[in-house]
N, C-alpha and C. Protein backbone atom coordinates (compact mmCIF):
# COMPACT_ATOMS: atom_id res chain seq x y z
N UNK A 1 28.69 47.28 27.79
CA UNK A 1 28.59 46.98 29.22
C UNK A 1 29.29 48.06 30.02
N UNK A 2 28.70 48.42 31.14
CA UNK A 2 29.31 49.41 32.03
C UNK A 2 29.38 48.84 33.44
N UNK A 3 30.26 49.41 34.24
CA UNK A 3 30.43 48.91 35.60
C UNK A 3 31.35 47.71 35.63
N UNK A 4 31.55 47.18 36.81
CA UNK A 4 32.41 46.00 36.98
C UNK A 4 31.78 45.06 37.99
N UNK A 5 32.13 43.80 37.87
CA UNK A 5 31.57 42.78 38.75
C UNK A 5 32.37 42.69 40.04
N UNK A 6 31.68 42.72 41.17
CA UNK A 6 32.31 42.55 42.47
C UNK A 6 31.54 41.51 43.27
N UNK A 7 32.21 40.89 44.22
CA UNK A 7 31.59 39.83 45.02
C UNK A 7 30.44 40.40 45.83
N UNK A 8 29.23 39.86 45.62
CA UNK A 8 28.04 40.33 46.31
C UNK A 8 27.47 39.30 47.28
N UNK A 9 27.65 38.02 46.97
CA UNK A 9 27.11 36.96 47.83
C UNK A 9 28.15 35.85 47.94
N UNK A 10 28.34 35.36 49.15
CA UNK A 10 29.26 34.26 49.42
C UNK A 10 28.56 33.34 50.40
N UNK A 11 28.00 32.24 49.92
CA UNK A 11 27.12 31.43 50.75
C UNK A 11 27.20 29.96 50.37
N UNK A 12 26.55 29.13 51.18
CA UNK A 12 26.43 27.71 50.85
C UNK A 12 25.00 27.43 50.41
N UNK A 13 24.87 26.42 49.56
CA UNK A 13 23.57 26.04 49.02
C UNK A 13 23.40 24.53 49.11
N UNK A 14 22.24 24.10 49.60
CA UNK A 14 21.90 22.68 49.64
C UNK A 14 20.52 22.49 49.02
N UNK A 15 20.35 21.41 48.30
CA UNK A 15 19.06 21.02 47.75
C UNK A 15 18.53 19.83 48.56
N UNK A 16 17.21 19.78 48.75
CA UNK A 16 16.60 18.69 49.50
C UNK A 16 15.53 18.01 48.66
N UNK A 17 15.44 16.68 48.81
CA UNK A 17 14.40 15.91 48.15
C UNK A 17 14.32 14.55 48.83
N UNK A 18 13.37 13.73 48.40
CA UNK A 18 13.23 12.39 48.97
C UNK A 18 14.17 11.43 48.25
N UNK A 19 15.06 10.75 48.99
CA UNK A 19 16.03 9.86 48.34
C UNK A 19 15.35 8.76 47.53
N UNK A 20 15.84 8.54 46.34
CA UNK A 20 15.32 7.46 45.50
C UNK A 20 14.11 7.86 44.70
N UNK A 21 13.12 8.47 45.38
CA UNK A 21 11.85 8.76 44.70
C UNK A 21 11.77 10.20 44.17
N UNK A 22 12.51 11.11 44.76
CA UNK A 22 12.54 12.52 44.29
C UNK A 22 11.14 13.08 44.08
N UNK A 23 10.33 13.04 45.13
CA UNK A 23 8.94 13.47 45.01
C UNK A 23 8.81 14.95 44.62
N UNK A 24 9.70 15.79 45.10
CA UNK A 24 9.63 17.21 44.75
C UNK A 24 9.99 17.43 43.28
N UNK A 25 11.07 16.82 42.85
CA UNK A 25 11.50 16.96 41.46
C UNK A 25 10.42 16.46 40.50
N UNK A 26 9.73 15.39 40.87
CA UNK A 26 8.66 14.85 40.02
C UNK A 26 7.57 15.88 39.76
N UNK A 27 7.37 16.76 40.73
CA UNK A 27 6.32 17.78 40.61
C UNK A 27 6.88 19.12 40.11
N UNK A 28 8.10 19.09 39.56
CA UNK A 28 8.75 20.30 39.04
C UNK A 28 9.00 21.34 40.13
N UNK A 29 9.25 20.84 41.36
CA UNK A 29 9.54 21.70 42.50
C UNK A 29 11.01 21.60 42.86
N UNK A 30 11.57 22.70 43.30
CA UNK A 30 12.96 22.73 43.78
C UNK A 30 12.94 23.37 45.16
N UNK A 31 13.49 22.65 46.15
CA UNK A 31 13.54 23.15 47.52
C UNK A 31 14.99 23.20 47.96
N UNK A 32 15.47 24.38 48.28
CA UNK A 32 16.88 24.51 48.64
C UNK A 32 17.06 25.44 49.84
N UNK A 33 18.20 25.25 50.49
CA UNK A 33 18.57 26.06 51.65
C UNK A 33 19.83 26.85 51.31
N UNK A 34 19.85 28.11 51.72
CA UNK A 34 21.04 28.95 51.53
C UNK A 34 21.45 29.52 52.89
N UNK A 35 22.76 29.53 53.13
CA UNK A 35 23.29 30.05 54.39
C UNK A 35 24.39 31.06 54.07
N UNK A 36 24.24 32.26 54.62
CA UNK A 36 25.27 33.29 54.46
C UNK A 36 25.40 34.04 55.78
N UNK A 37 26.62 34.15 56.27
CA UNK A 37 26.88 34.81 57.55
C UNK A 37 26.02 34.21 58.67
N UNK A 38 25.90 32.89 58.64
CA UNK A 38 25.17 32.11 59.65
C UNK A 38 23.67 32.39 59.64
N UNK A 39 23.17 33.06 58.62
CA UNK A 39 21.74 33.29 58.48
C UNK A 39 21.18 32.33 57.44
N UNK A 40 20.13 31.60 57.83
CA UNK A 40 19.57 30.57 56.98
C UNK A 40 18.28 31.03 56.31
N UNK A 41 18.10 30.61 55.07
CA UNK A 41 16.83 30.81 54.39
C UNK A 41 16.58 29.63 53.46
N UNK A 42 15.31 29.38 53.20
CA UNK A 42 14.95 28.35 52.23
C UNK A 42 14.23 29.02 51.07
N UNK A 43 14.29 28.37 49.93
CA UNK A 43 13.63 28.87 48.72
C UNK A 43 12.87 27.72 48.08
N UNK A 44 11.62 27.94 47.78
CA UNK A 44 10.82 26.97 47.02
C UNK A 44 10.55 27.56 45.64
N UNK A 45 10.80 26.75 44.62
CA UNK A 45 10.57 27.19 43.24
C UNK A 45 9.75 26.15 42.51
N UNK A 46 8.78 26.62 41.73
CA UNK A 46 7.96 25.76 40.88
C UNK A 46 8.20 26.18 39.44
N UNK A 47 8.61 25.23 38.60
CA UNK A 47 9.03 25.56 37.24
C UNK A 47 8.17 24.84 36.20
N UNK A 48 8.01 25.49 35.06
CA UNK A 48 7.29 24.87 33.94
C UNK A 48 7.65 25.58 32.64
N UNK A 49 7.65 24.85 31.51
CA UNK A 49 7.83 25.51 30.21
C UNK A 49 6.63 26.38 29.85
N UNK A 50 5.50 26.16 30.52
CA UNK A 50 4.27 26.92 30.26
C UNK A 50 4.09 27.99 31.33
N UNK A 51 3.99 29.23 30.92
CA UNK A 51 3.92 30.32 31.90
C UNK A 51 2.67 30.24 32.76
N UNK A 52 1.56 29.76 32.21
CA UNK A 52 0.31 29.72 32.98
C UNK A 52 0.33 28.60 34.01
N UNK A 53 0.98 27.50 33.67
CA UNK A 53 1.15 26.43 34.66
C UNK A 53 2.08 26.92 35.78
N UNK A 54 3.17 27.58 35.41
CA UNK A 54 4.10 28.09 36.42
C UNK A 54 3.43 29.09 37.36
N UNK A 55 2.49 29.86 36.83
CA UNK A 55 1.80 30.86 37.64
C UNK A 55 0.64 30.27 38.44
N UNK A 56 0.32 29.00 38.20
CA UNK A 56 -0.84 28.38 38.85
C UNK A 56 -0.57 28.02 40.31
N UNK A 57 0.70 28.09 40.75
CA UNK A 57 1.03 27.80 42.14
C UNK A 57 1.68 29.03 42.76
N UNK A 58 0.87 29.99 43.22
CA UNK A 58 1.46 31.16 43.89
C UNK A 58 2.15 30.71 45.17
N UNK A 59 3.41 31.06 45.32
CA UNK A 59 4.20 30.60 46.46
C UNK A 59 4.32 31.73 47.47
N UNK A 60 3.98 31.42 48.71
CA UNK A 60 4.02 32.42 49.77
C UNK A 60 5.43 32.59 50.30
N UNK A 61 5.71 33.78 50.84
CA UNK A 61 7.03 34.02 51.41
C UNK A 61 7.52 35.41 51.14
N UNK A 62 8.81 35.63 51.44
CA UNK A 62 9.42 36.94 51.24
C UNK A 62 9.78 37.13 49.76
N UNK A 63 9.49 38.31 49.24
CA UNK A 63 9.86 38.67 47.88
C UNK A 63 9.49 37.60 46.85
N UNK A 64 8.19 37.24 46.76
CA UNK A 64 7.79 36.26 45.75
C UNK A 64 8.13 36.75 44.35
N UNK A 65 8.55 35.83 43.50
CA UNK A 65 8.97 36.18 42.15
C UNK A 65 8.25 35.33 41.12
N UNK A 66 7.98 35.93 39.99
CA UNK A 66 7.57 35.17 38.80
C UNK A 66 8.55 35.56 37.71
N UNK A 67 9.27 34.57 37.18
CA UNK A 67 10.37 34.87 36.26
C UNK A 67 10.28 34.03 35.00
N UNK A 68 10.84 34.58 33.94
CA UNK A 68 11.09 33.82 32.72
C UNK A 68 12.60 33.66 32.60
N UNK A 69 13.06 32.43 32.61
CA UNK A 69 14.48 32.13 32.40
C UNK A 69 14.67 31.65 30.97
N UNK A 70 15.67 32.19 30.30
CA UNK A 70 15.92 31.83 28.90
C UNK A 70 17.30 31.20 28.80
N UNK A 71 17.33 29.99 28.26
CA UNK A 71 18.60 29.29 28.04
C UNK A 71 18.84 29.17 26.54
N UNK A 72 20.07 28.83 26.18
CA UNK A 72 20.41 28.75 24.76
C UNK A 72 19.70 27.57 24.09
N UNK A 73 19.36 27.71 22.79
CA UNK A 73 19.60 28.89 21.96
C UNK A 73 18.62 30.03 22.27
N UNK A 74 17.36 29.72 22.58
CA UNK A 74 16.41 30.71 23.07
C UNK A 74 15.18 29.97 23.58
N UNK A 75 15.38 29.22 24.66
CA UNK A 75 14.34 28.36 25.23
C UNK A 75 13.86 28.96 26.55
N UNK A 76 12.56 29.19 26.63
CA UNK A 76 11.99 29.82 27.82
C UNK A 76 11.52 28.78 28.83
N UNK A 77 11.72 29.09 30.10
CA UNK A 77 11.15 28.33 31.19
C UNK A 77 10.70 29.33 32.24
N UNK A 78 9.53 29.08 32.82
CA UNK A 78 8.94 30.03 33.75
C UNK A 78 8.95 29.44 35.16
N UNK A 79 8.96 30.33 36.15
CA UNK A 79 8.99 29.84 37.52
C UNK A 79 8.34 30.82 38.48
N UNK A 80 7.72 30.26 39.52
CA UNK A 80 7.27 31.02 40.68
C UNK A 80 8.14 30.61 41.85
N UNK A 81 8.54 31.55 42.67
CA UNK A 81 9.40 31.21 43.81
C UNK A 81 9.23 32.23 44.92
N UNK A 82 9.63 31.82 46.12
CA UNK A 82 9.67 32.73 47.26
C UNK A 82 10.60 32.13 48.31
N UNK A 83 11.20 32.99 49.10
CA UNK A 83 12.11 32.53 50.14
C UNK A 83 11.53 32.81 51.52
N UNK A 84 12.04 32.07 52.51
CA UNK A 84 11.64 32.28 53.90
C UNK A 84 12.85 32.09 54.80
N UNK A 85 12.94 32.91 55.82
CA UNK A 85 14.01 32.76 56.80
C UNK A 85 13.66 31.61 57.74
N UNK A 86 14.68 30.87 58.16
CA UNK A 86 14.48 29.81 59.14
C UNK A 86 15.53 29.96 60.23
N UNK A 87 15.24 29.36 61.38
CA UNK A 87 16.13 29.50 62.53
C UNK A 87 17.36 28.61 62.38
N UNK A 88 18.35 28.87 63.20
CA UNK A 88 19.59 28.09 63.17
C UNK A 88 19.36 26.65 63.57
N UNK A 89 18.29 26.39 64.32
CA UNK A 89 18.03 25.03 64.82
C UNK A 89 16.96 24.29 64.03
N UNK A 90 16.41 24.91 63.01
CA UNK A 90 15.34 24.28 62.24
C UNK A 90 15.84 23.04 61.51
N UNK A 91 15.17 21.90 61.74
CA UNK A 91 15.52 20.66 61.04
C UNK A 91 14.83 20.61 59.68
N UNK A 92 15.53 20.07 58.72
CA UNK A 92 14.96 19.79 57.40
C UNK A 92 15.23 18.32 57.11
N UNK A 93 14.37 17.46 57.63
CA UNK A 93 14.61 16.02 57.47
C UNK A 93 13.38 15.21 57.12
N UNK A 94 12.20 15.84 57.09
CA UNK A 94 10.98 15.14 56.68
C UNK A 94 10.20 16.03 55.72
N UNK A 95 9.36 15.40 54.91
CA UNK A 95 8.55 16.17 53.96
C UNK A 95 7.65 17.16 54.69
N UNK A 96 7.35 16.86 55.94
CA UNK A 96 6.54 17.78 56.73
C UNK A 96 7.19 19.16 56.85
N UNK A 97 8.51 19.22 56.77
CA UNK A 97 9.20 20.50 56.95
C UNK A 97 8.92 21.48 55.82
N UNK A 98 9.15 21.13 54.55
CA UNK A 98 8.79 22.08 53.49
C UNK A 98 7.29 22.36 53.41
N UNK A 99 6.46 21.36 53.74
CA UNK A 99 5.02 21.56 53.66
C UNK A 99 4.56 22.56 54.72
N UNK A 100 5.13 22.49 55.92
CA UNK A 100 4.78 23.47 56.95
C UNK A 100 5.26 24.87 56.58
N UNK A 101 6.41 24.94 55.96
CA UNK A 101 6.93 26.25 55.54
C UNK A 101 6.14 26.83 54.38
N UNK A 102 5.67 25.96 53.49
CA UNK A 102 4.93 26.39 52.30
C UNK A 102 3.62 25.59 52.23
N UNK A 103 2.56 26.07 52.91
CA UNK A 103 1.30 25.33 52.98
C UNK A 103 0.68 25.01 51.62
N UNK A 104 1.05 25.76 50.58
CA UNK A 104 0.50 25.48 49.25
C UNK A 104 0.91 24.10 48.75
N UNK A 105 1.91 23.49 49.37
CA UNK A 105 2.33 22.14 48.97
C UNK A 105 1.35 21.06 49.43
N UNK A 106 0.41 21.41 50.29
CA UNK A 106 -0.56 20.42 50.77
C UNK A 106 -1.37 19.81 49.63
N UNK A 107 -1.52 20.54 48.54
CA UNK A 107 -2.32 20.06 47.41
C UNK A 107 -1.77 18.78 46.81
N UNK A 108 -0.47 18.50 47.04
CA UNK A 108 0.16 17.32 46.44
C UNK A 108 0.01 16.06 47.29
N UNK A 109 -0.52 16.20 48.50
CA UNK A 109 -0.74 15.04 49.38
C UNK A 109 0.53 14.20 49.56
N UNK A 110 1.65 14.87 49.78
CA UNK A 110 2.89 14.16 50.06
C UNK A 110 2.78 13.39 51.37
N UNK A 111 3.53 12.31 51.48
CA UNK A 111 3.66 11.60 52.75
C UNK A 111 4.52 12.46 53.67
N UNK A 112 3.92 13.04 54.69
CA UNK A 112 4.63 14.00 55.53
C UNK A 112 5.72 13.37 56.36
N UNK A 113 5.67 12.06 56.53
CA UNK A 113 6.70 11.37 57.31
C UNK A 113 7.86 10.87 56.44
N UNK A 114 7.74 11.03 55.13
CA UNK A 114 8.82 10.56 54.26
C UNK A 114 10.06 11.44 54.46
N UNK A 115 11.21 10.79 54.53
CA UNK A 115 12.46 11.51 54.78
C UNK A 115 12.87 12.35 53.58
N UNK A 116 13.41 13.53 53.87
CA UNK A 116 14.10 14.30 52.84
C UNK A 116 15.57 14.43 53.26
N UNK A 117 16.43 14.45 52.27
CA UNK A 117 17.86 14.56 52.54
C UNK A 117 18.50 15.52 51.54
N UNK A 118 19.72 15.94 51.87
CA UNK A 118 20.48 16.76 50.94
C UNK A 118 20.73 15.96 49.66
N UNK A 119 20.38 16.51 48.53
CA UNK A 119 20.54 15.79 47.27
C UNK A 119 22.01 15.47 47.04
N UNK A 120 22.28 14.17 46.95
CA UNK A 120 23.64 13.64 46.76
C UNK A 120 24.62 14.10 47.83
N UNK A 121 24.09 14.49 49.01
CA UNK A 121 24.95 14.89 50.11
C UNK A 121 25.82 16.09 49.80
N UNK A 122 25.39 16.89 48.85
CA UNK A 122 26.24 17.96 48.31
C UNK A 122 25.94 19.31 48.96
N UNK A 123 26.98 19.95 49.44
CA UNK A 123 26.90 21.33 49.90
C UNK A 123 27.73 22.20 48.96
N UNK A 124 27.05 23.07 48.24
CA UNK A 124 27.70 23.93 47.26
C UNK A 124 28.23 25.19 47.94
N UNK A 125 29.44 25.57 47.62
CA UNK A 125 29.95 26.89 47.98
C UNK A 125 29.72 27.81 46.79
N UNK A 126 28.90 28.83 47.00
CA UNK A 126 28.47 29.70 45.90
C UNK A 126 29.02 31.11 46.08
N UNK A 127 29.59 31.64 45.02
CA UNK A 127 30.01 33.04 44.99
C UNK A 127 29.29 33.73 43.83
N UNK A 128 28.65 34.84 44.13
CA UNK A 128 27.91 35.59 43.11
C UNK A 128 28.52 36.99 42.99
N UNK A 129 28.91 37.33 41.78
CA UNK A 129 29.49 38.64 41.49
C UNK A 129 28.47 39.48 40.73
N UNK A 130 28.26 40.71 41.17
CA UNK A 130 27.26 41.58 40.56
C UNK A 130 27.86 42.96 40.31
N UNK A 131 27.17 43.75 39.50
CA UNK A 131 27.59 45.14 39.30
C UNK A 131 27.64 45.59 37.85
N UNK A 132 27.81 44.69 36.91
CA UNK A 132 27.84 45.07 35.50
C UNK A 132 26.45 45.33 34.96
N UNK A 133 26.34 46.26 34.04
CA UNK A 133 25.05 46.60 33.43
C UNK A 133 25.20 46.73 31.92
N UNK A 134 24.09 46.49 31.21
CA UNK A 134 24.07 46.66 29.77
C UNK A 134 22.82 47.46 29.40
N UNK A 135 22.96 48.40 28.50
CA UNK A 135 21.87 49.26 28.07
C UNK A 135 20.98 48.51 27.09
N UNK A 136 19.71 48.34 27.44
CA UNK A 136 18.76 47.63 26.58
C UNK A 136 17.77 48.57 25.92
N UNK A 137 17.97 49.84 26.07
CA UNK A 137 17.01 50.81 25.55
C UNK A 137 16.62 51.74 26.68
N UNK A 138 15.36 51.62 27.16
CA UNK A 138 14.96 52.43 28.31
C UNK A 138 15.04 51.65 29.62
N UNK A 139 15.71 50.51 29.60
CA UNK A 139 15.99 49.73 30.81
C UNK A 139 17.42 49.22 30.74
N UNK A 140 18.00 49.00 31.91
CA UNK A 140 19.32 48.39 31.97
C UNK A 140 19.19 46.93 32.38
N UNK A 141 19.96 46.07 31.73
CA UNK A 141 20.08 44.69 32.17
C UNK A 141 21.20 44.58 33.19
N UNK A 142 20.97 43.81 34.25
CA UNK A 142 21.95 43.67 35.33
C UNK A 142 22.64 42.32 35.21
N UNK A 143 23.96 42.34 35.06
CA UNK A 143 24.73 41.11 34.92
C UNK A 143 25.07 40.52 36.29
N UNK A 144 25.16 39.19 36.32
CA UNK A 144 25.71 38.51 37.49
C UNK A 144 26.50 37.30 37.01
N UNK A 145 27.56 37.00 37.73
CA UNK A 145 28.39 35.82 37.48
C UNK A 145 28.32 34.94 38.71
N UNK A 146 27.86 33.70 38.52
CA UNK A 146 27.73 32.76 39.63
C UNK A 146 28.74 31.63 39.46
N UNK A 147 29.51 31.39 40.51
CA UNK A 147 30.49 30.30 40.52
C UNK A 147 30.10 29.31 41.60
N UNK A 148 30.08 28.03 41.23
CA UNK A 148 29.77 26.96 42.17
C UNK A 148 30.98 26.07 42.37
N UNK A 149 31.31 25.83 43.64
CA UNK A 149 32.40 24.92 44.02
C UNK A 149 31.80 23.78 44.82
N UNK A 150 32.33 22.56 44.65
CA UNK A 150 31.75 21.42 45.36
C UNK A 150 32.35 21.21 46.75
N UNK A 151 33.24 22.10 47.17
CA UNK A 151 33.75 22.07 48.55
C UNK A 151 34.32 23.44 48.88
N UNK A 152 34.33 23.81 50.16
CA UNK A 152 34.84 25.14 50.54
C UNK A 152 36.31 25.34 50.19
N UNK A 153 37.07 24.25 50.13
CA UNK A 153 38.51 24.36 49.88
C UNK A 153 38.86 24.36 48.39
N UNK A 154 37.87 24.07 47.53
CA UNK A 154 38.13 23.97 46.10
C UNK A 154 38.44 25.35 45.51
N UNK A 155 39.38 25.38 44.59
CA UNK A 155 39.73 26.64 43.92
C UNK A 155 39.28 26.65 42.46
N UNK A 156 38.73 25.52 42.00
CA UNK A 156 38.27 25.42 40.61
C UNK A 156 36.76 25.25 40.59
N UNK A 157 36.02 26.21 40.04
CA UNK A 157 34.56 26.08 40.03
C UNK A 157 34.09 24.94 39.13
N UNK A 158 33.04 24.26 39.57
CA UNK A 158 32.41 23.22 38.76
C UNK A 158 31.37 23.79 37.81
N UNK A 159 30.79 24.91 38.20
CA UNK A 159 29.79 25.59 37.38
C UNK A 159 30.17 27.07 37.33
N UNK A 160 30.16 27.65 36.15
CA UNK A 160 30.33 29.09 35.98
C UNK A 160 29.20 29.58 35.09
N UNK A 161 28.36 30.44 35.61
CA UNK A 161 27.18 30.89 34.87
C UNK A 161 27.14 32.41 34.83
N UNK A 162 27.10 32.95 33.64
CA UNK A 162 26.93 34.39 33.46
C UNK A 162 25.51 34.64 32.95
N UNK A 163 24.84 35.60 33.52
CA UNK A 163 23.46 35.88 33.11
C UNK A 163 23.19 37.37 33.30
N UNK A 164 22.10 37.82 32.69
CA UNK A 164 21.65 39.18 32.96
C UNK A 164 20.14 39.16 33.08
N UNK A 165 19.62 40.12 33.82
CA UNK A 165 18.18 40.18 34.04
C UNK A 165 17.71 41.62 33.95
N UNK A 166 16.44 41.75 33.64
CA UNK A 166 15.80 43.06 33.71
C UNK A 166 14.38 42.84 34.17
N UNK A 167 13.81 43.82 34.83
CA UNK A 167 12.48 43.62 35.41
C UNK A 167 11.67 44.90 35.34
N UNK A 168 10.36 44.72 35.48
CA UNK A 168 9.44 45.84 35.55
C UNK A 168 9.03 45.99 37.01
N UNK A 169 9.41 47.09 37.62
CA UNK A 169 9.16 47.27 39.05
C UNK A 169 7.68 47.40 39.39
N UNK A 170 6.84 47.65 38.37
CA UNK A 170 5.40 47.75 38.63
C UNK A 170 4.71 46.39 38.56
N UNK A 171 5.46 45.34 38.19
CA UNK A 171 4.91 43.99 38.04
C UNK A 171 3.82 43.90 36.98
N UNK A 172 3.82 44.84 36.04
CA UNK A 172 2.83 44.84 34.97
C UNK A 172 3.42 44.29 33.67
N UNK A 173 4.66 43.82 33.71
CA UNK A 173 5.34 43.28 32.52
C UNK A 173 5.29 44.27 31.36
N UNK A 174 5.59 45.51 31.66
CA UNK A 174 5.53 46.57 30.66
C UNK A 174 6.90 46.68 29.97
N UNK A 175 7.14 45.78 29.03
CA UNK A 175 8.42 45.75 28.32
C UNK A 175 8.19 46.16 26.86
N UNK A 176 8.92 47.16 26.43
CA UNK A 176 8.78 47.62 25.06
C UNK A 176 9.47 46.66 24.10
N UNK A 177 9.12 46.78 22.82
CA UNK A 177 9.77 45.97 21.79
C UNK A 177 11.26 46.28 21.74
N UNK A 178 11.61 47.53 21.99
CA UNK A 178 13.02 47.93 21.98
C UNK A 178 13.82 47.19 23.05
N UNK A 179 13.27 47.12 24.25
CA UNK A 179 13.96 46.44 25.35
C UNK A 179 14.05 44.94 25.09
N UNK A 180 12.93 44.33 24.68
CA UNK A 180 12.93 42.89 24.43
C UNK A 180 13.89 42.53 23.30
N UNK A 181 13.90 43.33 22.24
CA UNK A 181 14.81 43.06 21.12
C UNK A 181 16.27 43.27 21.54
N UNK A 182 16.50 44.30 22.36
CA UNK A 182 17.85 44.54 22.85
C UNK A 182 18.36 43.39 23.69
N UNK A 183 17.49 42.85 24.54
CA UNK A 183 17.88 41.72 25.39
C UNK A 183 18.19 40.50 24.54
N UNK A 184 17.36 40.25 23.52
CA UNK A 184 17.60 39.10 22.64
C UNK A 184 18.92 39.26 21.89
N UNK A 185 19.22 40.48 21.47
CA UNK A 185 20.46 40.73 20.73
C UNK A 185 21.68 40.47 21.63
N UNK A 186 21.61 40.92 22.88
CA UNK A 186 22.72 40.69 23.82
C UNK A 186 22.88 39.19 24.09
N UNK A 187 21.76 38.50 24.30
CA UNK A 187 21.81 37.07 24.59
C UNK A 187 22.40 36.29 23.41
N UNK A 188 22.00 36.66 22.20
CA UNK A 188 22.54 36.00 21.01
C UNK A 188 24.04 36.26 20.88
N UNK A 189 24.46 37.49 21.15
CA UNK A 189 25.89 37.83 21.07
C UNK A 189 26.70 37.04 22.09
N UNK A 190 26.15 36.84 23.28
CA UNK A 190 26.85 36.07 24.31
C UNK A 190 27.07 34.63 23.87
N UNK A 191 26.09 34.06 23.17
CA UNK A 191 26.23 32.68 22.70
C UNK A 191 27.32 32.55 21.64
N UNK A 192 27.62 33.64 20.97
CA UNK A 192 28.65 33.61 19.94
C UNK A 192 30.06 33.68 20.49
N UNK A 193 30.20 33.82 21.80
CA UNK A 193 31.53 33.88 22.42
C UNK A 193 32.02 32.46 22.68
N UNK A 194 32.45 31.80 21.61
CA UNK A 194 32.74 30.37 21.65
C UNK A 194 33.85 30.00 22.63
N UNK A 195 34.75 30.92 22.91
CA UNK A 195 35.83 30.63 23.86
C UNK A 195 35.35 30.61 25.30
N UNK A 196 34.14 31.11 25.53
CA UNK A 196 33.62 31.22 26.88
C UNK A 196 32.39 30.34 27.12
N UNK A 197 31.70 29.97 26.05
CA UNK A 197 30.44 29.23 26.19
C UNK A 197 30.68 27.74 25.95
N UNK A 198 30.22 26.91 26.87
CA UNK A 198 30.39 25.46 26.75
C UNK A 198 29.20 24.84 26.04
N UNK A 199 29.49 23.92 25.11
CA UNK A 199 28.43 23.18 24.44
C UNK A 199 27.87 22.07 25.32
N UNK A 200 28.56 21.77 26.41
CA UNK A 200 28.15 20.67 27.29
C UNK A 200 27.66 21.18 28.64
N UNK A 201 27.16 22.39 28.65
CA UNK A 201 26.72 22.98 29.91
C UNK A 201 25.42 22.35 30.39
N UNK A 202 25.16 22.46 31.69
CA UNK A 202 23.92 21.99 32.28
C UNK A 202 23.48 23.00 33.33
N UNK A 203 22.21 22.93 33.70
CA UNK A 203 21.71 23.86 34.70
C UNK A 203 22.31 23.51 36.06
N UNK A 204 22.25 24.48 36.96
CA UNK A 204 22.79 24.24 38.30
C UNK A 204 22.02 23.14 39.01
N UNK A 205 20.69 23.13 38.84
CA UNK A 205 19.88 22.09 39.48
C UNK A 205 20.22 20.72 38.92
N UNK A 206 20.38 20.61 37.61
CA UNK A 206 20.75 19.32 37.01
C UNK A 206 22.10 18.84 37.53
N UNK A 207 23.02 19.76 37.70
CA UNK A 207 24.35 19.39 38.22
C UNK A 207 24.22 18.74 39.59
N UNK A 208 23.41 19.31 40.46
CA UNK A 208 23.26 18.77 41.82
C UNK A 208 22.63 17.38 41.78
N UNK A 209 21.57 17.21 41.00
CA UNK A 209 20.87 15.92 40.96
C UNK A 209 21.70 14.84 40.27
N UNK A 210 22.60 15.21 39.39
CA UNK A 210 23.42 14.23 38.67
C UNK A 210 24.81 14.05 39.28
N UNK A 211 25.07 14.73 40.38
CA UNK A 211 26.40 14.70 40.99
C UNK A 211 26.71 13.30 41.55
N UNK A 212 27.95 12.89 41.42
CA UNK A 212 28.38 11.62 42.00
C UNK A 212 28.13 10.44 41.08
N UNK A 213 28.34 9.24 41.62
CA UNK A 213 28.24 8.02 40.82
C UNK A 213 26.95 7.25 41.04
N UNK A 214 26.26 7.52 42.15
CA UNK A 214 25.01 6.82 42.45
C UNK A 214 23.84 7.77 42.24
N UNK A 215 22.92 7.46 41.33
CA UNK A 215 21.79 8.36 41.07
C UNK A 215 20.95 8.60 42.33
N UNK A 216 20.70 9.86 42.65
CA UNK A 216 19.87 10.18 43.81
C UNK A 216 18.42 9.79 43.54
N UNK A 217 17.99 9.93 42.29
CA UNK A 217 16.61 9.61 41.91
C UNK A 217 16.58 8.24 41.23
N UNK A 218 17.05 7.21 41.92
CA UNK A 218 17.20 5.91 41.26
C UNK A 218 15.92 5.13 41.11
N UNK A 219 14.78 5.69 41.55
CA UNK A 219 13.51 4.99 41.40
C UNK A 219 12.55 5.79 40.53
N UNK A 220 13.04 6.83 39.86
CA UNK A 220 12.16 7.65 39.03
C UNK A 220 12.25 7.22 37.58
């Protein structure tokens, strides 16, 4: 590894869904808001274990992404996502709001008047550290460390996630066997760091939906 991690993002994160019924989660959708330096943006993500299903919902917006996320021991999940800027006064309180922002959601025939709320009333304070790199062959993997706190005053993170990514800037998925094998070797080595890796870890999205004592999705 070369370089060092420095604070790159310091923002708040909120997830939105329909209380009790979790209509978005049922469709493998994640809708969240991020605020940094008083600038707001929303992100819609569609996830699936199948890459072709994940790619079947092209999401409109700024910097659309199609990604493969790999979790331990080596489980792939694919996602399409895109973000959009919203105004300081934009309300996010009905299903009509994400549908207007992302017209591709019309296919699900959601009740546009159904209320959406912050999942479990939780506002995450997120700090993202970036800057470290690892040589994978003819590409570098970029490390990031994400820390989640359940309140701005908290000094102990509830989630600590270290990850690395690499991408093909041509969007042609032109990854050599050397790069793919190098990435797998690094990922396997990271899992062997038993003093740092938790056996009881959960995804950031799961943490938000399971937060607190009353299930947010109590009718699913």
